[in-house]
Amino acid sequence: MISYEFPLNERIRTLLRMESLYERVQFFSSMEHALDHHAALLSLFEILDVAGRADLKSELMQELERQKQALSALRSNPQISEEALNSILSDIDRAVADLFQSSGKTGQGLRENEWLMGIKQRVAIPGGVCEFDVPSYHYWLHQGADIRRTDLSNWLAPFLPMRSGITIVLRILRESGRSSQQTATQGVYQQMMGGRVAQLLRLSLNDEETCVPEVSANKYALNIRFTMTGDSQRRLAQDDIPFELTFCNL
């Protein structure tokens, strides 16, 4: 199976982007080659840009507090595992405390690092960080892998409290959904929302299907079109496409 996630508001879209960037930094940082660490630094710059939103940290803290209140109300529910509930509540408390302690604008220390900001400006130019453009960066890339990895870890550290909060919120969001089996007749599926509120749609289909979903949704209706891959004309699939549909909402 291959799964696709479609955020239905800007806040969830931002959290998913951040999650993807964190995963990319972690993956490339764990590698050995200088080019891997170059890719990690580029993703770190993207995190810096997204995290620069003034309201992102406060929104994240508010959502964590809201989820804490909602989950705390489940303590008397006999169908809820007390151990699992205490675990997630503890994770939320820790994430909120870490976010609260990370005062100021997230990543401000990196923004004040002239060397890093010089590289960030150069990477916007195609081929702008060649050795003759930024000799000091060329030197850094020729340091040992452990030295580069330590630097990347230090630069990423200010963003880790935000990562923990994002991981918790997206985990709760994904686990909130209930899945149903659906079929797109000749590549098209439509469903009236009927008052249903969702912040994230998850679609899963057989990875042998040579098509990809395109989603448009509003408070009234959901429309999904499956288009053929490798087709420059974005041709609609002609066969019926079975898939699993999940509505997720915090």
Protein backbone atom coordinates (compact mmCIF):
# COMPACT_ATOMS: atom_id res chain seq x y z
CA MET A 1 0.00 0.00 0.00
CA ILE A 2 1.05 3.59 -0.59
CA SER A 3 -0.47 6.37 1.50
CA TYR A 4 -1.08 10.03 0.67
CA GLU A 5 -1.91 12.77 3.15
CA PHE A 6 -3.77 15.94 2.21
CA PRO A 7 -4.00 18.77 4.77
CA LEU A 8 -7.24 20.74 4.66
CA ASN A 9 -6.01 23.92 6.35
CA GLU A 10 -2.84 25.99 6.40
CA ARG A 11 -1.87 25.09 9.96
CA ILE A 12 -1.76 21.34 9.31
CA ARG A 13 -0.01 21.98 6.00
CA THR A 14 2.76 23.81 7.85
CA LEU A 15 3.13 21.04 10.45
CA LEU A 16 3.42 18.38 7.73
CA ARG A 17 6.05 20.43 5.92
CA MET A 18 8.05 20.81 9.11
CA GLU A 19 7.79 17.08 9.83
CA SER A 20 9.12 16.28 6.35
CA LEU A 21 12.01 18.72 6.74
CA TYR A 22 12.99 17.31 10.15
CA GLU A 23 13.04 13.79 8.70
CA ARG A 24 15.20 14.97 5.81
CA VAL A 25 17.72 16.67 8.10
CA GLN A 26 17.91 13.61 10.33
CA PHE A 27 18.42 11.27 7.37
CA PHE A 28 21.15 13.26 5.63
CA SER A 29 22.90 14.14 8.90
CA SER A 30 23.28 10.46 9.71
CA MET A 31 25.19 9.86 6.47
CA GLU A 32 28.96 10.20 6.01
CA HIS A 33 29.54 12.02 2.73
CA ALA A 34 29.99 15.79 2.53
CA LEU A 35 27.22 16.04 -0.06
CA ASP A 36 24.81 14.39 2.37
CA HIS A 37 25.64 17.01 4.98
CA HIS A 38 25.24 19.74 2.37
CA ALA A 39 21.70 18.43 1.74
CA ALA A 40 21.08 18.38 5.52
CA LEU A 41 22.13 22.02 5.82
CA LEU A 42 19.83 23.04 2.95
CA SER A 43 16.89 21.40 4.73
CA LEU A 44 17.92 23.12 7.96
CA PHE A 45 17.71 26.47 6.17
CA GLU A 46 14.18 25.57 5.07
CA ILE A 47 13.24 24.76 8.66
CA LEU A 48 14.64 28.14 9.69
CA ASP A 49 12.39 29.88 7.15
CA VAL A 50 9.22 28.01 8.13
CA ALA A 51 9.91 28.28 11.87
CA GLY A 52 10.30 32.04 11.46
CA ARG A 53 6.52 32.44 11.51
CA ALA A 54 5.87 34.49 14.64
CA ASP A 55 2.70 32.59 15.56
CA LEU A 56 3.86 29.04 14.88
CA LYS A 57 5.27 28.30 18.33
CA SER A 58 2.35 29.92 20.17
CA GLU A 59 -0.19 28.05 18.02
CA LEU A 60 1.62 24.80 18.72
CA MET A 61 1.62 25.41 22.47
CA GLN A 62 -2.08 26.30 22.44
CA GLU A 63 -2.93 23.13 20.51
CA LEU A 64 -0.91 20.98 22.92
CA GLU A 65 -2.72 22.53 25.90
CA ARG A 66 -6.06 21.96 24.20
CA GLN A 67 -5.22 18.32 23.58
CA LYS A 68 -4.07 17.94 27.18
CA GLN A 69 -7.44 19.16 28.45
CA ALA A 70 -9.34 16.90 26.06
CA LEU A 71 -7.28 13.85 26.99
CA SER A 72 -7.41 14.56 30.73
CA ALA A 73 -11.20 14.37 30.53
CA LEU A 74 -10.85 10.71 29.48
CA ARG A 75 -9.34 9.56 32.77
CA SER A 76 -12.63 8.16 34.01
CA ASN A 77 -13.30 6.24 30.79
CA PRO A 78 -12.84 2.49 31.46
CA GLN A 79 -12.15 1.87 27.75
CA ILE A 80 -9.04 4.05 27.86
CA SER A 81 -5.69 2.61 28.93
CA GLU A 82 -4.52 4.66 31.91
CA GLU A 83 -0.90 3.83 31.16
CA ALA A 84 -1.14 5.00 27.54
CA LEU A 85 -3.05 8.12 28.61
CA ASN A 86 -0.46 9.05 31.24
CA SER A 87 2.30 8.51 28.71
CA ILE A 88 0.88 10.91 26.13
CA LEU A 89 0.01 13.48 28.82
CA SER A 90 3.58 13.30 30.09
CA ASP A 91 4.88 13.81 26.54
CA ILE A 92 2.64 16.85 26.14
CA ASP A 93 3.80 18.38 29.45
CA ARG A 94 7.43 17.88 28.47
CA ALA A 95 6.92 19.37 25.00
CA VAL A 96 5.09 22.44 26.34
CA ALA A 97 7.78 23.02 28.98
CA ASP A 98 10.55 22.77 26.37
CA LEU A 99 8.74 25.17 24.04
CA PHE A 100 8.19 27.61 26.90
CA GLN A 101 11.87 27.55 27.80
CA SER A 102 12.95 28.21 24.21
CA SER A 103 12.41 31.94 24.57
CA GLY A 104 12.55 34.34 21.68
CA LYS A 105 12.24 33.65 18.00
CA THR A 106 13.02 30.04 17.18
CA GLY A 107 16.46 29.73 15.58
CA GLN A 108 17.47 33.32 16.26
CA GLY A 109 21.00 32.18 17.04
CA LEU A 110 21.37 30.84 13.52
CA ARG A 111 20.05 34.08 12.03
CA GLU A 112 22.78 35.92 13.91
CA ASN A 113 25.48 33.58 12.56
CA GLU A 114 26.96 35.60 9.68
CA TRP A 115 28.78 32.61 8.21
CA LEU A 116 25.61 30.48 8.00
CA MET A 117 23.52 33.35 6.67
CA GLY A 118 26.15 34.02 4.02
CA ILE A 119 25.85 30.41 2.86
CA LYS A 120 22.05 30.63 3.00
CA GLN A 121 22.10 33.61 0.67
CA ARG A 122 24.49 31.87 -1.73
CA VAL A 123 22.44 28.65 -1.99
CA ALA A 124 19.63 30.69 -3.54
CA ILE A 125 21.94 31.16 -6.55
CA PRO A 126 22.26 28.08 -8.83
CA GLY A 127 25.70 26.67 -8.10
CA GLY A 128 26.35 29.56 -5.73
CA VAL A 129 28.32 27.62 -3.11
CA CYS A 130 31.15 26.37 -5.29
CA GLU A 131 34.55 26.33 -3.63
CA PHE A 132 35.63 29.56 -5.36
CA ASP A 133 32.47 31.33 -4.11
CA VAL A 134 32.62 30.28 -0.45
CA PRO A 135 36.07 28.82 0.37
CA SER A 136 35.22 28.58 4.07
CA TYR A 137 32.22 26.36 3.29
CA HIS A 138 34.43 24.22 1.05
CA TYR A 139 36.80 23.87 4.01
CA TRP A 140 33.92 22.86 6.33
CA LEU A 141 32.77 20.19 3.87
CA HIS A 142 36.28 18.73 3.97
CA GLN A 143 36.27 18.35 7.74
CA GLY A 144 35.69 14.91 9.22
CA ALA A 145 32.14 13.56 9.09
CA ASP A 146 31.93 13.59 12.91
CA ILE A 147 32.83 17.28 13.04
CA ARG A 148 30.21 18.17 10.44
CA ARG A 149 27.63 16.00 12.17
CA THR A 150 28.30 17.69 15.51
CA ASP A 151 27.86 21.12 13.93
CA LEU A 152 24.61 20.08 12.26
CA SER A 153 23.34 18.68 15.57
CA ASN A 154 24.15 21.94 17.36
CA TRP A 155 22.45 24.03 14.68
CA LEU A 156 19.35 21.83 14.76
CA ALA A 157 19.09 21.79 18.57
CA PRO A 158 17.01 25.02 18.92
CA PHE A 159 14.33 23.48 16.69
CA LEU A 160 13.98 20.18 18.57
CA PRO A 161 11.34 21.41 21.10
CA MET A 162 9.17 22.44 18.15
CA ARG A 163 9.76 19.08 16.52
CA SER A 164 8.57 17.24 19.64
CA GLY A 165 5.38 19.30 19.75
CA ILE A 166 4.68 18.77 16.06
CA THR A 167 5.23 15.02 16.40
CA ILE A 168 2.70 14.80 19.23
CA VAL A 169 0.03 16.88 17.47
CA LEU A 170 0.34 14.94 14.19
CA ARG A 171 0.29 11.63 16.07
CA ILE A 172 -2.97 12.55 17.81
CA LEU A 173 -4.40 13.82 14.53
CA ARG A 174 -3.56 10.66 12.60
CA GLU A 175 -4.84 8.37 15.33
CA SER A 176 -8.15 10.24 15.44
CA GLY A 177 -9.27 8.95 12.05
CA ARG A 178 -11.54 6.11 11.11
CA SER A 179 -10.94 4.40 7.78
CA SER A 180 -13.45 3.19 5.22
CA GLN A 181 -13.12 1.35 1.93
CA GLN A 182 -14.19 3.37 -1.10
CA THR A 183 -14.08 3.09 -4.90
CA ALA A 184 -13.39 5.83 -7.43
CA THR A 185 -15.60 4.99 -10.39
CA GLN A 186 -13.54 5.48 -13.55
CA GLY A 187 -11.04 7.44 -11.50
CA VAL A 188 -13.53 9.83 -9.85
CA TYR A 189 -14.86 9.88 -6.29
CA GLN A 190 -17.22 12.46 -4.79
CA GLN A 191 -18.69 12.70 -1.31
CA MET A 192 -20.81 15.35 0.34
CA MET A 193 -19.30 16.43 3.64
CA GLY A 194 -22.68 16.75 5.37
CA GLY A 195 -21.29 18.78 8.24
CA ARG A 196 -18.24 16.52 8.68
CA VAL A 197 -15.19 18.47 9.84
CA ALA A 198 -11.74 17.24 8.88
CA GLN A 199 -8.26 18.70 9.03
CA LEU A 200 -6.44 15.90 7.26
CA LEU A 201 -7.36 13.31 4.64
CA ARG A 202 -5.42 10.08 4.31
CA LEU A 203 -5.73 7.96 1.18
CA SER A 204 -4.20 4.51 0.84
CA LEU A 205 -4.20 2.41 -2.30
CA ASN A 206 -2.37 -0.55 -3.76
CA ASP A 207 1.10 0.53 -4.82
CA GLU A 208 0.64 -1.43 -8.05
CA GLU A 209 -1.95 1.12 -9.18
CA THR A 210 -0.34 3.39 -11.79
CA CYS A 211 -2.24 6.49 -10.73
CA VAL A 212 -2.08 9.22 -8.11
CA PRO A 213 -4.90 11.07 -6.30
CA GLU A 214 -5.69 14.76 -6.69
CA VAL A 215 -7.91 16.14 -3.93
CA SER A 216 -10.08 19.22 -3.66
CA ALA A 217 -12.29 19.73 -0.65
CA ASN A 218 -14.35 22.36 1.14
CA LYS A 219 -16.96 22.29 3.89
CA TYR A 220 -19.58 21.08 1.40
CA ALA A 221 -17.94 18.36 -0.71
CA LEU A 222 -14.88 16.20 -1.26
CA ASN A 223 -13.67 15.48 -4.79
CA ILE A 224 -10.91 13.03 -5.65
CA ARG A 225 -9.54 12.41 -9.15
CA PHE A 226 -7.03 9.68 -9.92
CA THR A 227 -4.73 10.61 -12.80
CA MET A 228 -2.30 8.32 -14.60
CA THR A 229 1.39 8.57 -13.75
CA GLY A 230 3.92 9.26 -16.48
CA ASP A 231 1.25 11.02 -18.55
CA SER A 232 2.13 14.60 -19.49
CA GLN A 233 -1.55 15.30 -20.21
CA ARG A 234 -2.65 14.26 -16.68
CA ARG A 235 -5.12 11.78 -18.16
CA LEU A 236 -7.89 10.56 -15.86
CA ALA A 237 -7.77 6.88 -14.89
CA GLN A 238 -10.40 4.86 -16.76
CA ASP A 239 -10.63 1.93 -14.36
CA ASP A 240 -12.37 1.78 -11.00
CA ILE A 241 -9.82 2.49 -8.27
CA PRO A 242 -10.37 0.93 -4.81
CA PHE A 243 -8.81 2.90 -1.96
CA GLU A 244 -8.98 3.45 1.78
CA LEU A 245 -10.17 6.87 2.96
CA THR A 246 -9.59 8.32 6.42
CA PHE A 247 -10.90 11.61 7.82
CA CYS A 248 -8.73 12.96 10.66
CA ASN A 249 -9.63 15.80 12.99
CA LEU A 250 -8.18 17.13 16.24
